[in-house]
Amino acid sequence: MTLQIAADVDGVATSRALARAGAWLACIFLAATIAAAALFIPVTGRAEILLGVSALPITGAAVVGALHVRRFPVAVLLTVLACAGLYAYALVTSQTAVQDPTPTPSSDFVLLSMPEFAVLVVGVSARSLPRALVLGTLALILGPGGVQLAAWQQGMPLAADVPVLAAFVALSLFVTSLWLGRRDAARGTALMSGAALAEERDVAIGRFSTRASSWLHDTVLNDLRSLSSSDPGELSDAHRQALDRDLANLADVRLILDAPGLGGSATRAFATVPVLVGLVRDAEQKGLTVRVTGDVADINTLAFAATRSLERGIAECLDNVLRHSGVREAEISVMSSRSEVSVMVSDSGVGFEVNETADDSEGLRYRVVDPIADIGGSVQIWSHPGAGTAVFMTVPSGAS
């Protein structure tokens, strides 16, 4: 089982998304303020409004910086800078409004209220709840508070800006609920991860037990079958060596834990064939990587003589790969039918010219061709310089 948690528990992706959203929101409010102020110039005839508007880009840049910066002290400084730009704008705008012959508006009128929303978002992307609340509160005190101060300094009637205060409360609740949700998600993820690890452990233990039982069952039965088919009297040296190797393999837990060259259901089939396991293990200890494919379990149906002949042939082929091929990889492919079982050992090494190999030489003929021919089998060898080698061994099938 593989556990995948899609939730952004650590809040990194969420903080980045909130930073982008906050930056867009601040820019929209500031752009709307600049557009509204520009419309007031021909109505009032007071071009000095442009002086105050020129401070708003500073506010916008500082807000965007505070949303994206990671260091908290820098975010605090940028928040102060954003509020300072807002104060400068409010100072000029309120002075213009007071000097205009029309009735003087209060301190919550639209040109002063809209840019206040822009500075309130500086805390939404903070990486902790305390930092988010500190930045938001600081922006409220210095932003709308600075606007009220500028309006009071210019003699403008003061009035509580209810929409701005409501926006601050809403943002604070949003940030608080977001961080509480992250905390709950982190706890849930920890519980789910623990449950997944426990399940994986149980599955691994069950898989090991099944494989160990199958390994023991099939190995013992195979050896008992070979003993029952042997002639009365002392066992041959080859038979004793095979039994000794199977006993050693049973005592080696690594052969159950490891799966040379295989995975999944093929590993379970491979584990039931002690002959192949022993050969692959010996070859891998010498530095050869062996891949095993095909109907591997059908080797267990062979008679004792056929099994041992194949064992000797495969061992010789793997030794030749190590000594002569120039590569460190080989493949054992098993194919079976009702009447025979075939095993091919192949490599992609330097190869050789088959016709130039002496018939009486040791190696392939003495250890592979002759023993298999003696039990009614056959051996075919394909090789060419630079094209690798393949040895195809076929023996009669049938239980012993």
Protein backbone atom coordinates (compact mmCIF):
# COMPACT_ATOMS: atom_id res chain seq x y z
CA MET A 1 0.00 0.00 0.00
CA THR A 2 1.28 3.44 -0.88
CA LEU A 3 -0.26 6.37 0.97
CA GLN A 4 -0.50 9.65 -0.92
CA ILE A 5 -1.80 12.77 0.81
CA ALA A 6 -2.97 15.44 -1.60
CA ALA A 7 -3.66 18.04 1.08
CA ASP A 8 -1.17 20.88 1.47
CA VAL A 9 -0.54 20.11 5.14
CA ASP A 10 2.57 22.26 5.52
CA GLY A 11 0.80 25.23 3.89
CA VAL A 12 3.52 26.09 1.37
CA ALA A 13 1.36 25.83 -1.76
CA THR A 14 -1.59 27.46 0.01
CA SER A 15 0.54 30.39 1.18
CA ARG A 16 1.80 30.96 -2.35
CA ALA A 17 -1.73 30.89 -3.74
CA LEU A 18 -2.91 33.32 -1.07
CA ALA A 19 0.04 35.60 -1.80
CA ARG A 20 -0.95 35.74 -5.46
CA ALA A 21 -4.59 36.32 -4.64
CA GLY A 22 -3.76 39.01 -2.08
CA ALA A 23 -1.46 40.78 -4.54
CA TRP A 24 -4.18 40.82 -7.21
CA LEU A 25 -6.76 42.07 -4.71
CA ALA A 26 -4.50 44.88 -3.49
CA CYS A 27 -3.66 45.94 -7.04
CA ILE A 28 -7.34 46.02 -8.00
CA PHE A 29 -8.28 48.27 -5.07
CA LEU A 30 -5.33 50.59 -5.68
CA ALA A 31 -6.00 50.78 -9.41
CA ALA A 32 -9.65 51.59 -8.71
CA THR A 33 -8.55 54.30 -6.29
CA ILE A 34 -6.21 55.85 -8.86
CA ALA A 35 -8.95 55.79 -11.51
CA ALA A 36 -11.50 57.40 -9.15
CA ALA A 37 -9.01 60.06 -8.07
CA ALA A 38 -8.27 60.89 -11.70
CA LEU A 39 -11.98 61.45 -12.29
CA PHE A 40 -12.12 63.90 -9.37
CA ILE A 41 -9.45 66.15 -10.88
CA PRO A 42 -11.63 67.73 -13.63
CA VAL A 43 -14.57 67.98 -11.19
CA THR A 44 -12.67 69.71 -8.41
CA GLY A 45 -9.99 71.35 -10.49
CA ARG A 46 -7.41 70.29 -7.91
CA ALA A 47 -4.50 68.72 -9.78
CA GLU A 48 -2.55 68.26 -6.52
CA ILE A 49 -4.49 65.03 -6.08
CA LEU A 50 -1.92 63.56 -8.48
CA LEU A 51 0.75 64.16 -5.83
CA GLY A 52 -1.09 61.95 -3.36
CA VAL A 53 -1.88 59.32 -6.03
CA SER A 54 1.85 59.02 -6.77
CA ALA A 55 2.32 57.42 -3.33
CA LEU A 56 -0.08 54.55 -4.07
CA PRO A 57 2.33 52.59 -6.34
CA ILE A 58 4.73 52.54 -3.38
CA THR A 59 1.93 51.11 -1.25
CA GLY A 60 1.13 48.48 -3.87
CA ALA A 61 4.76 47.38 -4.32
CA ALA A 62 5.26 47.14 -0.55
CA VAL A 63 2.08 45.05 -0.11
CA VAL A 64 3.12 42.63 -2.87
CA GLY A 65 6.57 42.34 -1.33
CA ALA A 66 5.17 41.67 2.14
CA LEU A 67 2.93 38.93 0.73
CA HIS A 68 5.78 37.07 -0.97
CA VAL A 69 8.73 37.60 1.38
CA ARG A 70 9.59 34.74 3.76
CA ARG A 71 11.44 36.63 6.49
CA PHE A 72 9.03 38.05 9.03
CA PRO A 73 11.05 41.19 9.94
CA VAL A 74 11.20 42.14 6.27
CA ALA A 75 7.45 41.63 5.97
CA VAL A 76 6.93 43.95 8.94
CA LEU A 77 9.12 46.66 7.35
CA LEU A 78 7.29 46.36 4.03
CA THR A 79 3.95 46.62 5.83
CA VAL A 80 5.11 49.82 7.52
CA LEU A 81 6.26 51.17 4.15
CA ALA A 82 2.90 50.33 2.55
CA CYS A 83 1.04 52.15 5.34
CA ALA A 84 3.39 55.12 5.05
CA GLY A 85 2.51 55.44 1.35
CA LEU A 86 -1.17 55.21 2.25
CA TYR A 87 -0.76 57.92 4.90
CA ALA A 88 0.91 60.24 2.37
CA TYR A 89 -1.92 59.68 -0.08
CA ALA A 90 -4.57 60.26 2.62
CA LEU A 91 -2.85 63.47 3.76
CA VAL A 92 -3.02 65.04 0.29
CA THR A 93 -6.49 63.71 -0.54
CA SER A 94 -8.09 64.87 2.73
CA GLN A 95 -6.48 68.31 2.39
CA THR A 96 -7.95 68.61 -1.10
CA ALA A 97 -11.38 67.52 0.11
CA VAL A 98 -11.39 70.05 2.96
CA GLN A 99 -10.33 72.92 0.71
CA ASP A 100 -12.97 72.12 -1.91
CA PRO A 101 -16.00 74.47 -1.68
CA THR A 102 -18.40 71.54 -1.73
CA PRO A 103 -19.49 70.00 1.60
CA THR A 104 -16.56 68.30 3.31
CA PRO A 105 -16.94 64.51 3.40
CA SER A 106 -16.09 62.45 6.47
CA SER A 107 -12.98 60.33 6.85
CA ASP A 108 -14.68 57.19 5.52
CA PHE A 109 -15.45 58.52 2.05
CA VAL A 110 -14.60 56.36 -0.97
CA LEU A 111 -11.24 57.87 -1.99
CA LEU A 112 -9.83 57.21 1.48
CA SER A 113 -11.60 53.88 2.09
CA MET A 114 -10.67 51.91 -1.05
CA PRO A 115 -6.87 51.86 -0.61
CA GLU A 116 -7.30 50.78 3.01
CA PHE A 117 -8.54 47.36 1.83
CA ALA A 118 -5.31 46.90 -0.09
CA VAL A 119 -3.06 46.97 3.00
CA LEU A 120 -5.25 44.64 5.07
CA VAL A 121 -4.24 41.56 3.02
CA VAL A 122 -0.54 41.63 3.96
CA GLY A 123 -0.91 38.86 6.54
CA VAL A 124 -2.91 36.26 4.60
CA SER A 125 0.15 34.46 3.22
CA ALA A 126 2.21 34.31 6.44
CA ARG A 127 3.60 30.85 7.33
CA SER A 128 2.16 30.85 10.87
CA LEU A 129 -1.05 32.02 12.51
CA PRO A 130 0.63 34.44 14.97
CA ARG A 131 2.55 36.12 12.15
CA ALA A 132 -0.57 36.43 10.03
CA LEU A 133 -2.52 38.05 12.87
CA VAL A 134 0.37 40.36 13.81
CA LEU A 135 0.79 41.59 10.22
CA GLY A 136 -2.96 42.05 9.76
CA THR A 137 -3.32 43.98 13.02
CA LEU A 138 -0.28 46.11 12.23
CA ALA A 139 -1.75 46.91 8.81
CA LEU A 140 -5.07 47.89 10.43
CA ILE A 141 -3.44 50.19 13.00
CA LEU A 142 -1.02 51.90 10.62
CA GLY A 143 -3.18 51.76 7.47
CA PRO A 144 -6.75 52.84 8.31
CA GLY A 145 -5.40 54.32 11.54
CA GLY A 146 -2.99 56.47 9.53
CA VAL A 147 -5.81 57.53 7.22
CA GLN A 148 -7.88 58.64 10.21
CA LEU A 149 -4.87 60.52 11.54
CA ALA A 150 -4.33 62.31 8.23
CA ALA A 151 -8.03 63.24 8.02
CA TRP A 152 -7.99 64.58 11.58
CA GLN A 153 -4.84 66.62 10.86
CA GLN A 154 -6.58 68.26 7.90
CA GLY A 155 -9.75 69.02 9.87
CA MET A 156 -11.95 66.44 8.19
CA PRO A 157 -14.88 65.01 10.21
CA LEU A 158 -13.96 61.58 11.56
CA ALA A 159 -16.14 58.52 11.02
CA ALA A 160 -15.56 54.82 11.64
CA ASP A 161 -14.97 52.96 8.38
CA VAL A 162 -17.29 50.01 9.03
CA PRO A 163 -16.56 48.11 5.75
CA VAL A 164 -12.83 48.21 6.45
CA LEU A 165 -13.30 47.00 10.02
CA ALA A 166 -15.61 44.21 8.80
CA ALA A 167 -13.02 43.21 6.19
CA PHE A 168 -10.34 43.01 8.88
CA VAL A 169 -12.53 40.79 11.07
CA ALA A 170 -13.39 38.56 8.08
CA LEU A 171 -9.74 38.17 7.08
CA SER A 172 -8.73 37.37 10.66
CA LEU A 173 -11.40 34.68 10.92
CA PHE A 174 -10.41 33.28 7.53
CA VAL A 175 -6.72 33.04 8.43
CA THR A 176 -7.52 31.52 11.83
CA SER A 177 -9.82 28.86 10.40
CA LEU A 178 -7.28 28.10 7.67
CA TRP A 179 -4.48 27.45 10.15
CA LEU A 180 -6.71 25.41 12.44
CA GLY A 181 -7.65 23.33 9.41
CA ARG A 182 -3.99 22.81 8.58
CA ARG A 183 -3.33 21.62 12.11
CA ASP A 184 -6.19 19.11 11.94
CA ALA A 185 -5.01 17.96 8.52
CA ALA A 186 -1.49 17.38 9.86
CA ARG A 187 -2.87 15.27 12.70
CA GLY A 188 -5.03 13.29 10.31
CA THR A 189 -2.09 12.73 7.99
CA ALA A 190 0.02 11.42 10.85
CA LEU A 191 -2.71 8.96 11.83
CA MET A 192 -3.19 7.80 8.24
CA SER A 193 0.55 7.39 7.73
CA GLY A 194 0.80 5.30 10.88
CA ALA A 195 -2.08 3.12 9.74
CA ALA A 196 -0.51 2.70 6.28
CA LEU A 197 2.84 1.69 7.77
CA ALA A 198 1.14 -0.83 10.04
CA GLU A 199 -0.73 -2.30 7.08
CA GLU A 200 2.44 -2.51 4.99
CA ARG A 201 4.19 -4.25 7.88
CA ASP A 202 1.37 -6.80 8.20
CA VAL A 203 1.39 -7.44 4.46
CA ALA A 204 5.17 -7.92 4.47
CA ILE A 205 4.98 -10.35 7.39
CA GLY A 206 2.21 -12.33 5.68
CA ARG A 207 4.13 -12.40 2.40
CA PHE A 208 7.28 -13.60 4.15
CA SER A 209 5.39 -16.33 6.01
CA THR A 210 3.72 -17.56 2.82
CA ARG A 211 6.98 -17.57 0.90
CA ALA A 212 8.84 -19.32 3.70
CA SER A 213 6.16 -22.02 3.99
CA SER A 214 6.12 -22.57 0.23
CA TRP A 215 9.92 -22.67 0.13
CA LEU A 216 10.13 -25.27 2.90
CA HIS A 217 7.27 -27.37 1.53
CA ASP A 218 8.49 -27.57 -2.04
CA THR A 219 12.17 -28.06 -1.18
CA VAL A 220 11.54 -30.90 1.25
CA LEU A 221 9.09 -32.61 -1.12
CA ASN A 222 11.50 -32.31 -4.03
CA ASP A 223 14.34 -33.87 -2.02
CA LEU A 224 12.11 -36.62 -0.65
CA ARG A 225 10.93 -37.38 -4.18
CA SER A 226 14.50 -37.62 -5.41
CA LEU A 227 15.41 -39.90 -2.47
CA SER A 228 12.47 -42.18 -3.16
CA SER A 229 13.50 -42.54 -6.80
CA SER A 230 17.12 -43.35 -5.97
CA ASP A 231 18.46 -46.91 -5.91
CA PRO A 232 18.89 -48.50 -2.46
CA GLY A 233 22.29 -48.04 -0.94
CA GLU A 234 24.72 -45.20 -0.54
CA LEU A 235 23.85 -41.94 -2.25
CA SER A 236 26.04 -40.63 -5.03
CA ASP A 237 28.33 -37.69 -4.43
CA ALA A 238 26.20 -35.46 -6.69
CA HIS A 239 23.04 -36.40 -4.81
CA ARG A 240 24.63 -35.73 -1.43
CA GLN A 241 25.96 -32.39 -2.61
CA ALA A 242 22.50 -31.42 -3.87
CA LEU A 243 20.93 -32.31 -0.53
CA ASP A 244 23.63 -30.38 1.34
CA ARG A 245 23.03 -27.32 -0.81
CA ASP A 246 19.25 -27.49 -0.27
CA LEU A 247 19.76 -27.72 3.49
CA ALA A 248 22.10 -24.73 3.37
CA ASN A 249 19.56 -22.79 1.32
CA LEU A 250 16.82 -23.57 3.83
CA ALA A 251 19.00 -22.13 6.59
CA ASP A 252 19.66 -18.91 4.64
CA VAL A 253 16.77 -16.48 5.26
CA ARG A 254 18.15 -14.07 2.64
CA LEU A 255 16.94 -16.37 -0.11
CA ILE A 256 13.40 -15.84 1.15
CA LEU A 257 13.77 -12.09 1.70
CA ASP A 258 15.60 -11.41 -1.57
CA ALA A 259 14.27 -12.05 -5.05
CA PRO A 260 17.11 -12.34 -7.57
CA GLY A 261 16.07 -10.89 -10.90
CA LEU A 262 12.33 -11.21 -10.26
CA GLY A 263 9.34 -9.57 -8.62
CA GLY A 264 5.71 -10.22 -7.72
CA SER A 265 4.19 -13.58 -8.55
CA ALA A 266 7.29 -14.62 -10.49
CA THR A 267 9.32 -14.30 -7.28
CA ARG A 268 7.05 -16.76 -5.51
CA ALA A 269 7.40 -19.25 -8.37
CA PHE A 270 11.17 -18.82 -8.41
CA ALA A 271 11.39 -19.40 -4.66
CA THR A 272 9.86 -22.86 -5.12
CA VAL A 273 12.69 -24.04 -7.39
CA PRO A 274 15.73 -24.70 -5.14
CA VAL A 275 17.92 -25.67 -8.07
CA LEU A 276 17.55 -22.29 -9.77
CA VAL A 277 17.78 -20.37 -6.52
CA GLY A 278 21.07 -22.00 -5.64
CA LEU A 279 22.52 -21.42 -9.11
CA VAL A 280 21.45 -17.78 -9.22
CA ARG A 281 22.72 -17.15 -5.72
CA ASP A 282 26.16 -18.63 -6.52
CA ALA A 283 26.38 -16.63 -9.74
CA GLU A 284 25.40 -13.38 -8.06
CA GLN A 285 27.99 -13.95 -5.34
CA LYS A 286 30.57 -14.09 -8.14
CA GLY A 287 29.38 -10.77 -9.55
CA LEU A 288 26.92 -11.88 -12.22
CA THR A 289 23.42 -10.40 -12.47
CA VAL A 290 20.93 -13.07 -13.53
CA ARG A 291 17.37 -12.55 -14.77
CA VAL A 292 15.03 -15.54 -14.58
CA THR A 293 11.84 -15.70 -16.65
CA GLY A 294 9.30 -18.18 -17.91
CA ASP A 295 7.78 -21.36 -16.51
CA VAL A 296 10.33 -21.74 -13.73
CA ALA A 297 8.13 -23.89 -11.47
CA ASP A 298 7.93 -26.65 -14.13
CA ILE A 299 11.52 -27.60 -13.38
CA ASN A 300 10.19 -29.19 -10.19
CA THR A 301 8.27 -31.74 -12.31
CA LEU A 302 11.46 -33.17 -13.82
CA ALA A 303 13.00 -36.47 -12.87
CA PHE A 304 16.05 -36.39 -10.65
CA ALA A 305 18.48 -37.17 -13.46
CA ALA A 306 17.02 -34.47 -15.71
CA THR A 307 17.10 -31.92 -12.90
CA ARG A 308 20.74 -32.58 -12.10
CA SER A 309 21.75 -32.54 -15.76
CA LEU A 310 20.07 -29.20 -16.23
CA GLU A 311 21.70 -27.94 -13.04
CA ARG A 312 25.17 -28.84 -14.29
CA GLY A 313 24.45 -27.35 -17.70
CA ILE A 314 23.11 -24.06 -16.35
CA ALA A 315 26.02 -23.76 -13.92
CA GLU A 316 28.53 -24.29 -16.75
CA CYS A 317 26.77 -21.71 -18.95
CA LEU A 318 26.78 -19.10 -16.17
CA ASP A 319 30.47 -19.79 -15.48
CA ASN A 320 31.21 -19.28 -19.18
CA VAL A 321 29.39 -15.95 -19.11
CA LEU A 322 31.62 -14.86 -16.24
CA ARG A 323 34.85 -16.14 -17.82
CA HIS A 324 34.43 -15.38 -21.50
CA SER A 325 31.51 -13.09 -22.39
CA GLY A 326 32.92 -9.79 -21.13
CA VAL A 327 29.56 -8.84 -19.60
CA ARG A 328 28.11 -9.32 -16.15
CA GLU A 329 24.50 -10.00 -17.07
CA ALA A 330 22.78 -13.22 -18.13
CA GLU A 331 19.24 -14.46 -18.57
CA ILE A 332 17.72 -17.85 -17.79
CA SER A 333 14.48 -18.51 -19.70
CA VAL A 334 12.35 -21.58 -18.96
CA MET A 335 9.80 -22.95 -21.47
CA SER A 336 7.75 -26.10 -20.99
CA SER A 337 5.33 -28.35 -22.82
CA ARG A 338 3.68 -31.68 -22.07
CA SER A 339 6.68 -33.68 -23.24
CA GLU A 340 9.71 -31.53 -22.47
CA VAL A 341 11.18 -28.63 -20.54
CA SER A 342 13.63 -26.26 -22.17
CA VAL A 343 16.03 -23.84 -20.50
CA MET A 344 17.96 -21.18 -22.41
CA VAL A 345 20.91 -19.36 -20.89
CA SER A 346 21.83 -16.28 -22.91
CA ASP A 347 24.10 -13.25 -22.72
CA SER A 348 24.95 -10.26 -24.90
CA GLY A 349 28.70 -10.65 -24.65
CA VAL A 350 31.52 -11.08 -27.16
CA GLY A 351 30.31 -14.47 -28.43
CA PHE A 352 32.41 -17.00 -30.33
CA GLU A 353 32.47 -19.09 -33.51
CA VAL A 354 30.66 -22.33 -32.66
CA ASN A 355 32.12 -24.32 -35.55
CA GLU A 356 35.67 -23.62 -34.38
CA THR A 357 35.13 -25.15 -30.92
CA ALA A 358 36.78 -28.55 -30.51
CA ASP A 359 34.36 -31.44 -30.03
CA ASP A 360 36.46 -33.08 -27.34
CA SER A 361 37.07 -29.96 -25.31
CA GLU A 362 35.85 -29.71 -21.75
CA GLY A 363 33.20 -27.20 -20.90
CA LEU A 364 30.09 -27.07 -23.03
CA ARG A 365 30.41 -30.56 -24.50
CA TYR A 366 31.53 -32.42 -21.39
CA ARG A 367 29.34 -30.61 -18.83
CA VAL A 368 26.37 -29.59 -20.96
CA VAL A 369 25.89 -31.47 -24.22
CA ASP A 370 26.84 -35.03 -23.18
CA PRO A 371 24.99 -35.21 -19.83
CA ILE A 372 21.76 -33.93 -21.36
CA ALA A 373 22.10 -36.18 -24.39
CA ASP A 374 22.53 -39.19 -22.07
CA ILE A 375 19.01 -38.68 -20.63
CA GLY A 376 17.39 -38.24 -24.02
CA GLY A 377 17.65 -34.45 -24.21
CA SER A 378 19.29 -32.10 -26.68
CA VAL A 379 21.42 -28.96 -26.66
CA GLN A 380 21.59 -26.22 -29.28
CA ILE A 381 24.18 -23.46 -29.17
CA TRP A 382 23.87 -20.16 -30.98
CA SER A 383 26.75 -17.72 -30.93
CA HIS A 384 28.65 -15.34 -33.17
CA PRO A 385 31.53 -12.98 -32.44
CA GLY A 386 30.07 -9.73 -31.14
CA ALA A 387 26.50 -11.07 -31.01
CA GLY A 388 26.44 -12.88 -27.67
CA THR A 389 25.71 -16.52 -26.87
CA ALA A 390 22.59 -18.59 -26.24
CA VAL A 391 22.57 -22.20 -25.05
CA PHE A 392 19.22 -23.98 -25.45
CA MET A 393 18.90 -27.14 -23.34
CA THR A 394 15.88 -29.45 -23.64
CA VAL A 395 15.14 -32.44 -21.38
CA PRO A 396 12.16 -34.82 -21.24
CA SER A 397 9.47 -33.76 -18.81
CA GLY A 398 7.67 -35.98 -16.28
CA ALA A 399 7.79 -36.44 -12.57
CA SER A 400 10.33 -38.77 -11.09
